[in-house]
Amino acid sequence: MSRSGAMVRQLTFDLPHEESFRRDDFLESPANAEALALVDHWPEWPHRSAMIVGPHGSGKSHLAAIWAERAGARTVSGHSLLRDDVPAHLATGALVVEDVSPGNIDEAALFHLFNFARESNGYLLFTAAVRIDGASFQLPDLVSRLRSIPAVQLAPPDDALLSAVLVKLFADRQLSIGEGVIAYLLPRIERSLAGARGMVAELDKAALSRGRAVTKQLAAELLRR
């Protein structure tokens, strides 16, 4: 390594960054108010099942985690739902099924889950990237069950929510940011919470490797790439 005083890039390590899914850490906005109200109003649901719909990184898992804590629910991914495991999954009387989509879930297991939940007065919360209306499923009785589930849609984040998310993500990583960084990023990054997370992670990595603070100049360099 040269001792000439030239800037030396630090080694960076992609250490996992723990994200909090507590209720207090959820940022409410018009984009997610309906879904948050659904979670907060449990168990006063008109039905014993519900679905939260939104793209990747929109906050579905955070909302599901909030509900799971309130309801004492277990969580299972749609692709790992097995018929024989249904009673164990619903042992607490509530279950979150994440990322439900046609071809990604065993239809017989899902139908059994509906029946078991009805017989045991259990609660079900599903998350999905798009509204599941049953059209792409084969079991007729399952189609009717899916179509009866009340669903709430997460809207794309507005500027206020995206700005608040960026501030929180930088703070979670204990990053000090230069003046105007948030305003610079808002019109230039992907309009999604996932896009905000990705940009903050890239800026964190770049700032560490260069031994620099997070500034508009650093953000511009990344975005030009």
C-alpha atoms as a PDB file:
ATOM      1  CA  MET A   1       0.000   0.000   0.000  1.00  0.00           C
ATOM      2  CA  SER A   2       1.459   3.398  -1.015  1.00  0.00           C
ATOM      3  CA  ARG A   3       2.446   5.874   1.717  1.00  0.00           C
ATOM      4  CA  SER A   4       2.345   8.810  -0.707  1.00  0.00           C
ATOM      5  CA  GLY A   5      -0.813  10.198   0.806  1.00  0.00           C
ATOM      6  CA  ALA A   6      -3.081   9.137  -2.051  1.00  0.00           C
ATOM      7  CA  MET A   7      -6.581   8.201  -0.992  1.00  0.00           C
ATOM      8  CA  VAL A   8      -6.808   4.505  -0.251  1.00  0.00           C
ATOM      9  CA  ARG A   9     -10.140   2.779  -0.647  1.00  0.00           C
ATOM     10  CA  GLN A  10     -11.234   0.802   2.355  1.00  0.00           C
ATOM     11  CA  LEU A  11     -12.315  -2.787   2.182  1.00  0.00           C
ATOM     12  CA  THR A  12     -16.084  -3.049   2.497  1.00  0.00           C
ATOM     13  CA  PHE A  13     -18.087  -5.979   3.760  1.00  0.00           C
ATOM     14  CA  ASP A  14     -21.732  -6.649   2.863  1.00  0.00           C
ATOM     15  CA  LEU A  15     -22.817  -7.268   6.428  1.00  0.00           C
ATOM     16  CA  PRO A  16     -26.543  -7.908   6.885  1.00  0.00           C
ATOM     17  CA  HIS A  17     -28.412  -4.797   7.963  1.00  0.00           C
ATOM     18  CA  GLU A  18     -31.207  -5.572  10.377  1.00  0.00           C
ATOM     19  CA  GLU A  19     -34.449  -3.790   9.569  1.00  0.00           C
ATOM     20  CA  SER A  20     -36.994  -3.149  12.301  1.00  0.00           C
ATOM     21  CA  PHE A  21     -40.564  -4.306  11.667  1.00  0.00           C
ATOM     22  CA  ARG A  22     -42.061  -2.747  14.795  1.00  0.00           C
ATOM     23  CA  ARG A  23     -45.265  -0.698  14.661  1.00  0.00           C
ATOM     24  CA  ASP A  24     -43.414   2.419  15.839  1.00  0.00           C
ATOM     25  CA  ASP A  25     -41.036   2.166  12.883  1.00  0.00           C
ATOM     26  CA  PHE A  26     -43.771   2.058  10.259  1.00  0.00           C
ATOM     27  CA  LEU A  27     -44.118   5.356   8.388  1.00  0.00           C
ATOM     28  CA  GLU A  28     -47.765   6.116   7.658  1.00  0.00           C
ATOM     29  CA  SER A  29     -48.885   8.011   4.554  1.00  0.00           C
ATOM     30  CA  PRO A  30     -51.901   8.124   2.221  1.00  0.00           C
ATOM     31  CA  ALA A  31     -50.164   5.399   0.195  1.00  0.00           C
ATOM     32  CA  ASN A  32     -50.500   2.834   2.995  1.00  0.00           C
ATOM     33  CA  ALA A  33     -53.161   4.275   5.319  1.00  0.00           C
ATOM     34  CA  GLU A  34     -55.869   1.779   4.314  1.00  0.00           C
ATOM     35  CA  ALA A  35     -53.610  -1.225   4.848  1.00  0.00           C
ATOM     36  CA  LEU A  36     -52.379   0.110   8.183  1.00  0.00           C
ATOM     37  CA  ALA A  37     -55.969   0.682   9.301  1.00  0.00           C
ATOM     38  CA  LEU A  38     -56.759  -2.943   8.418  1.00  0.00           C
ATOM     39  CA  VAL A  39     -53.931  -4.143  10.655  1.00  0.00           C
ATOM     40  CA  ASP A  40     -54.726  -1.746  13.490  1.00  0.00           C
ATOM     41  CA  HIS A  41     -58.440  -2.635  13.518  1.00  0.00           C
ATOM     42  CA  TRP A  42     -57.893  -6.357  14.028  1.00  0.00           C
ATOM     43  CA  PRO A  43     -59.712  -8.340  15.377  1.00  0.00           C
ATOM     44  CA  GLU A  44     -62.678  -6.196  14.350  1.00  0.00           C
ATOM     45  CA  TRP A  45     -62.542  -7.537  10.799  1.00  0.00           C
ATOM     46  CA  PRO A  46     -65.762  -8.175   8.834  1.00  0.00           C
ATOM     47  CA  HIS A  47     -64.125 -11.396   7.604  1.00  0.00           C
ATOM     48  CA  ARG A  48     -61.572 -13.641   9.265  1.00  0.00           C
ATOM     49  CA  SER A  49     -59.154 -13.277   6.360  1.00  0.00           C
ATOM     50  CA  ALA A  50     -57.631 -10.359   4.461  1.00  0.00           C
ATOM     51  CA  MET A  51     -55.013  -9.641   1.820  1.00  0.00           C
ATOM     52  CA  ILE A  52     -52.451  -6.853   1.455  1.00  0.00           C
ATOM     53  CA  VAL A  53     -51.395  -6.245  -2.146  1.00  0.00           C
ATOM     54  CA  GLY A  54     -48.370  -4.317  -3.363  1.00  0.00           C
ATOM     55  CA  PRO A  55     -45.082  -4.617  -5.267  1.00  0.00           C
ATOM     56  CA  HIS A  56     -41.839  -5.851  -3.768  1.00  0.00           C
ATOM     57  CA  GLY A  57     -40.508  -3.485  -1.128  1.00  0.00           C
ATOM     58  CA  SER A  58     -43.784  -1.608  -0.686  1.00  0.00           C
ATOM     59  CA  GLY A  59     -44.172  -2.452   3.003  1.00  0.00           C
ATOM     60  CA  LYS A  60     -46.297  -5.621   2.891  1.00  0.00           C
ATOM     61  CA  SER A  61     -43.957  -7.625   5.088  1.00  0.00           C
ATOM     62  CA  HIS A  62     -43.675  -4.809   7.622  1.00  0.00           C
ATOM     63  CA  LEU A  63     -47.469  -4.591   7.886  1.00  0.00           C
ATOM     64  CA  ALA A  64     -47.734  -8.374   8.115  1.00  0.00           C
ATOM     65  CA  ALA A  65     -45.136  -8.407  10.901  1.00  0.00           C
ATOM     66  CA  ILE A  66     -47.081  -5.753  12.821  1.00  0.00           C
ATOM     67  CA  TRP A  67     -50.254  -7.821  12.518  1.00  0.00           C
ATOM     68  CA  ALA A  68     -48.429 -11.042  13.416  1.00  0.00           C
ATOM     69  CA  GLU A  69     -47.217  -9.483  16.652  1.00  0.00           C
ATOM     70  CA  ARG A  70     -50.701  -8.197  17.515  1.00  0.00           C
ATOM     71  CA  ALA A  71     -52.461 -11.440  16.627  1.00  0.00           C
ATOM     72  CA  GLY A  72     -49.787 -13.857  17.852  1.00  0.00           C
ATOM     73  CA  ALA A  73     -49.591 -15.209  14.321  1.00  0.00           C
ATOM     74  CA  ARG A  74     -46.995 -17.445  12.792  1.00  0.00           C
ATOM     75  CA  THR A  75     -45.655 -16.659   9.289  1.00  0.00           C
ATOM     76  CA  VAL A  76     -45.080 -18.958   6.343  1.00  0.00           C
ATOM     77  CA  SER A  77     -44.109 -18.259   2.744  1.00  0.00           C
ATOM     78  CA  GLY A  78     -46.611 -19.303   0.109  1.00  0.00           C
ATOM     79  CA  HIS A  79     -44.216 -21.658  -1.664  1.00  0.00           C
ATOM     80  CA  SER A  80     -43.452 -23.579   1.553  1.00  0.00           C
ATOM     81  CA  LEU A  81     -47.073 -24.121   2.642  1.00  0.00           C
ATOM     82  CA  LEU A  82     -47.722 -27.872   2.957  1.00  0.00           C
ATOM     83  CA  ARG A  83     -51.040 -29.561   3.666  1.00  0.00           C
ATOM     84  CA  ASP A  84     -49.738 -31.672   6.555  1.00  0.00           C
ATOM     85  CA  ASP A  85     -48.273 -28.590   8.257  1.00  0.00           C
ATOM     86  CA  VAL A  86     -51.509 -26.566   8.288  1.00  0.00           C
ATOM     87  CA  PRO A  87     -52.589 -27.471  11.855  1.00  0.00           C
ATOM     88  CA  ALA A  88     -49.160 -26.523  13.219  1.00  0.00           C
ATOM     89  CA  HIS A  89     -49.123 -23.251  11.274  1.00  0.00           C
ATOM     90  CA  LEU A  90     -52.488 -22.286  12.757  1.00  0.00           C
ATOM     91  CA  ALA A  91     -51.703 -23.504  16.259  1.00  0.00           C
ATOM     92  CA  THR A  92     -51.908 -19.945  17.613  1.00  0.00           C
ATOM     93  CA  GLY A  93     -55.173 -19.216  15.808  1.00  0.00           C
ATOM     94  CA  ALA A  94     -53.634 -16.802  13.290  1.00  0.00           C
ATOM     95  CA  LEU A  95     -51.322 -17.128  10.300  1.00  0.00           C
ATOM     96  CA  VAL A  96     -49.567 -14.879   7.778  1.00  0.00           C
ATOM     97  CA  VAL A  97     -49.020 -16.385   4.313  1.00  0.00           C
ATOM     98  CA  GLU A  98     -46.485 -14.299   2.400  1.00  0.00           C
ATOM     99  CA  ASP A  99     -46.058 -13.897  -1.364  1.00  0.00           C
ATOM    100  CA  VAL A 100     -49.080 -15.803  -2.603  1.00  0.00           C
ATOM    101  CA  SER A 101     -49.203 -16.242  -6.374  1.00  0.00           C
ATOM    102  CA  PRO A 102     -50.434 -18.866  -8.858  1.00  0.00           C
ATOM    103  CA  GLY A 103     -47.820 -21.544  -9.407  1.00  0.00           C
ATOM    104  CA  ASN A 104     -46.051 -20.533  -6.197  1.00  0.00           C
ATOM    105  CA  ILE A 105     -48.349 -22.334  -3.772  1.00  0.00           C
ATOM    106  CA  ASP A 106     -49.842 -25.804  -3.387  1.00  0.00           C
ATOM    107  CA  GLU A 107     -53.552 -25.350  -4.147  1.00  0.00           C
ATOM    108  CA  ALA A 108     -54.624 -28.360  -2.099  1.00  0.00           C
ATOM    109  CA  ALA A 109     -52.657 -27.045   0.890  1.00  0.00           C
ATOM    110  CA  LEU A 110     -54.180 -23.578   0.507  1.00  0.00           C
ATOM    111  CA  PHE A 111     -57.707 -24.972   0.255  1.00  0.00           C
ATOM    112  CA  HIS A 112     -57.091 -27.108   3.344  1.00  0.00           C
ATOM    113  CA  LEU A 113     -55.830 -23.999   5.130  1.00  0.00           C
ATOM    114  CA  PHE A 114     -59.075 -22.150   4.396  1.00  0.00           C
ATOM    115  CA  ASN A 115     -61.152 -25.072   5.646  1.00  0.00           C
ATOM    116  CA  PHE A 116     -59.066 -25.568   8.776  1.00  0.00           C
ATOM    117  CA  ALA A 117     -59.160 -21.840   9.592  1.00  0.00           C
ATOM    118  CA  ARG A 118     -62.945 -21.807   9.232  1.00  0.00           C
ATOM    119  CA  GLU A 119     -63.367 -24.871  11.452  1.00  0.00           C
ATOM    120  CA  SER A 120     -61.020 -23.490  14.129  1.00  0.00           C
ATOM    121  CA  ASN A 121     -62.129 -19.833  13.869  1.00  0.00           C
ATOM    122  CA  GLY A 122     -58.606 -18.870  12.824  1.00  0.00           C
ATOM    123  CA  TYR A 123     -57.481 -15.627  11.203  1.00  0.00           C
ATOM    124  CA  LEU A 124     -55.524 -15.454   7.940  1.00  0.00           C
ATOM    125  CA  LEU A 125     -53.546 -12.579   6.422  1.00  0.00           C
ATOM    126  CA  PHE A 126     -52.103 -12.957   2.936  1.00  0.00           C
ATOM    127  CA  THR A 127     -49.608 -10.779   1.083  1.00  0.00           C
ATOM    128  CA  ALA A 128     -49.318 -10.727  -2.691  1.00  0.00           C
ATOM    129  CA  ALA A 129     -47.717  -8.665  -5.429  1.00  0.00           C
ATOM    130  CA  VAL A 130     -50.998  -8.484  -7.365  1.00  0.00           C
ATOM    131  CA  ARG A 131     -54.623  -9.038  -6.411  1.00  0.00           C
ATOM    132  CA  ILE A 132     -55.322 -12.765  -6.271  1.00  0.00           C
ATOM    133  CA  ASP A 133     -58.816 -13.293  -7.651  1.00  0.00           C
ATOM    134  CA  GLY A 134     -58.500 -17.039  -8.224  1.00  0.00           C
ATOM    135  CA  ALA A 135     -58.605 -16.812 -12.014  1.00  0.00           C
ATOM    136  CA  SER A 136     -55.294 -18.657 -12.431  1.00  0.00           C
ATOM    137  CA  PHE A 137     -56.081 -21.398  -9.908  1.00  0.00           C
ATOM    138  CA  GLN A 138     -57.561 -24.755 -10.855  1.00  0.00           C
ATOM    139  CA  LEU A 139     -59.684 -25.802  -7.862  1.00  0.00           C
ATOM    140  CA  PRO A 140     -63.157 -24.229  -8.265  1.00  0.00           C
ATOM    141  CA  ASP A 141     -63.851 -24.089  -4.524  1.00  0.00           C
ATOM    142  CA  LEU A 142     -60.475 -22.454  -3.939  1.00  0.00           C
ATOM    143  CA  VAL A 143     -61.241 -19.829  -6.581  1.00  0.00           C
ATOM    144  CA  SER A 144     -64.428 -18.820  -4.785  1.00  0.00           C
ATOM    145  CA  ARG A 145     -62.582 -18.611  -1.452  1.00  0.00           C
ATOM    146  CA  LEU A 146     -59.866 -16.402  -2.905  1.00  0.00           C
ATOM    147  CA  ARG A 147     -62.378 -14.076  -4.534  1.00  0.00           C
ATOM    148  CA  SER A 148     -64.139 -13.580  -1.207  1.00  0.00           C
ATOM    149  CA  ILE A 149     -61.030 -12.265   0.586  1.00  0.00           C
ATOM    150  CA  PRO A 150     -61.141  -8.491   1.221  1.00  0.00           C
ATOM    151  CA  ALA A 151     -57.987  -6.922  -0.213  1.00  0.00           C
ATOM    152  CA  VAL A 152     -56.276  -3.572   0.314  1.00  0.00           C
ATOM    153  CA  GLN A 153     -53.843  -2.140  -2.215  1.00  0.00           C
ATOM    154  CA  LEU A 154     -50.663  -0.300  -1.291  1.00  0.00           C
ATOM    155  CA  ALA A 155     -50.265   2.739  -3.535  1.00  0.00           C
ATOM    156  CA  PRO A 156     -46.890   3.990  -4.831  1.00  0.00           C
ATOM    157  CA  PRO A 157     -45.151   6.173  -2.224  1.00  0.00           C
ATOM    158  CA  ASP A 158     -45.591   9.934  -2.487  1.00  0.00           C
ATOM    159  CA  ASP A 159     -42.729  12.390  -1.985  1.00  0.00           C
ATOM    160  CA  ALA A 160     -43.469  12.828   1.710  1.00  0.00           C
ATOM    161  CA  LEU A 161     -43.309   9.084   2.416  1.00  0.00           C
ATOM    162  CA  LEU A 162     -40.264   8.495   0.209  1.00  0.00           C
ATOM    163  CA  SER A 163     -38.437  11.387   1.870  1.00  0.00           C
ATOM    164  CA  ALA A 164     -39.258  10.098   5.364  1.00  0.00           C
ATOM    165  CA  VAL A 165     -38.141   6.588   4.389  1.00  0.00           C
ATOM    166  CA  LEU A 166     -34.802   7.888   3.094  1.00  0.00           C
ATOM    167  CA  VAL A 167     -34.207   9.845   6.286  1.00  0.00           C
ATOM    168  CA  LYS A 168     -35.015   6.778   8.405  1.00  0.00           C
ATOM    169  CA  LEU A 169     -32.844   4.447   6.319  1.00  0.00           C
ATOM    170  CA  PHE A 170     -29.846   6.759   6.608  1.00  0.00           C
ATOM    171  CA  ALA A 171     -30.452   7.134  10.341  1.00  0.00           C
ATOM    172  CA  ASP A 172     -30.756   3.353  10.801  1.00  0.00           C
ATOM    173  CA  ARG A 173     -27.274   3.023   9.300  1.00  0.00           C
ATOM    174  CA  GLN A 174     -25.988   5.886  11.458  1.00  0.00           C
ATOM    175  CA  LEU A 175     -25.042   7.813   8.324  1.00  0.00           C
ATOM    176  CA  SER A 176     -24.586  11.559   8.442  1.00  0.00           C
ATOM    177  CA  ILE A 177     -25.776  13.043   5.158  1.00  0.00           C
ATOM    178  CA  GLY A 178     -24.947  16.348   3.535  1.00  0.00           C
ATOM    179  CA  GLU A 179     -27.437  19.140   3.035  1.00  0.00           C
ATOM    180  CA  GLY A 180     -29.748  18.639   0.084  1.00  0.00           C
ATOM    181  CA  VAL A 181     -29.056  14.913  -0.375  1.00  0.00           C
ATOM    182  CA  ILE A 182     -32.690  13.882   0.162  1.00  0.00           C
ATOM    183  CA  ALA A 183     -34.033  16.579  -2.170  1.00  0.00           C
ATOM    184  CA  TYR A 184     -31.482  15.527  -4.796  1.00  0.00           C
ATOM    185  CA  LEU A 185     -32.382  11.844  -4.591  1.00  0.00           C
ATOM    186  CA  LEU A 186     -36.180  12.150  -4.590  1.00  0.00           C
ATOM    187  CA  PRO A 187     -36.728  12.876  -8.321  1.00  0.00           C
ATOM    188  CA  ARG A 188     -33.912  10.591  -9.439  1.00  0.00           C
ATOM    189  CA  ILE A 189     -34.387   7.221  -7.735  1.00  0.00           C
ATOM    190  CA  GLU A 190     -36.894   4.480  -8.442  1.00  0.00           C
ATOM    191  CA  ARG A 191     -40.288   5.488  -7.038  1.00  0.00           C
ATOM    192  CA  SER A 192     -40.533   2.628  -4.577  1.00  0.00           C
ATOM    193  CA  LEU A 193     -39.482   1.791  -1.039  1.00  0.00           C
ATOM    194  CA  ALA A 194     -37.303  -0.961  -2.459  1.00  0.00           C
ATOM    195  CA  GLY A 195     -35.569   1.610  -4.664  1.00  0.00           C
ATOM    196  CA  ALA A 196     -34.932   3.831  -1.642  1.00  0.00           C
ATOM    197  CA  ARG A 197     -33.444   0.914   0.318  1.00  0.00           C
ATOM    198  CA  GLY A 198     -31.202  -0.029  -2.583  1.00  0.00           C
ATOM    199  CA  MET A 199     -29.913   3.518  -3.054  1.00  0.00           C
ATOM    200  CA  VAL A 200     -29.153   4.005   0.649  1.00  0.00           C
ATOM    201  CA  ALA A 201     -27.306   0.679   0.739  1.00  0.00           C
ATOM    202  CA  GLU A 202     -25.230   1.681  -2.310  1.00  0.00           C
ATOM    203  CA  LEU A 203     -24.428   5.093  -0.851  1.00  0.00           C
ATOM    204  CA  ASP A 204     -23.434   3.496   2.454  1.00  0.00           C
ATOM    205  CA  LYS A 205     -21.085   1.112   0.671  1.00  0.00           C
ATOM    206  CA  ALA A 206     -19.624   3.843  -1.543  1.00  0.00           C
ATOM    207  CA  ALA A 207     -19.087   6.258   1.334  1.00  0.00           C
ATOM    208  CA  LEU A 208     -17.314   3.585   3.371  1.00  0.00           C
ATOM    209  CA  SER A 209     -15.075   2.439   0.522  1.00  0.00           C
ATOM    210  CA  ARG A 210     -14.057   6.021  -0.320  1.00  0.00           C
ATOM    211  CA  GLY A 211     -13.803   7.249   3.236  1.00  0.00           C
ATOM    212  CA  ARG A 212     -16.240  10.041   2.393  1.00  0.00           C
ATOM    213  CA  ALA A 213     -19.473  11.430   3.741  1.00  0.00           C
ATOM    214  CA  VAL A 214     -22.747  10.913   1.880  1.00  0.00           C
ATOM    215  CA  THR A 215     -23.100  14.049  -0.256  1.00  0.00           C
ATOM    216  CA  LYS A 216     -24.952  15.133  -3.381  1.00  0.00           C
ATOM    217  CA  GLN A 217     -21.705  14.711  -5.308  1.00  0.00           C
ATOM    218  CA  LEU A 218     -21.359  11.090  -4.195  1.00  0.00           C
ATOM    219  CA  ALA A 219     -25.010  10.424  -5.023  1.00  0.00           C
ATOM    220  CA  ALA A 220     -24.525  11.972  -8.473  1.00  0.00           C
ATOM    221  CA  GLU A 221     -21.515   9.753  -9.118  1.00  0.00           C
ATOM    222  CA  LEU A 222     -23.506   6.638  -8.279  1.00  0.00           C
ATOM    223  CA  LEU A 223     -26.507   7.669 -10.339  1.00  0.00           C
ATOM    224  CA  ARG A 224     -24.319   8.448 -13.382  1.00  0.00           C
ATOM    225  CA  ARG A 225     -23.055   4.857 -13.194  1.00  0.00           C
END
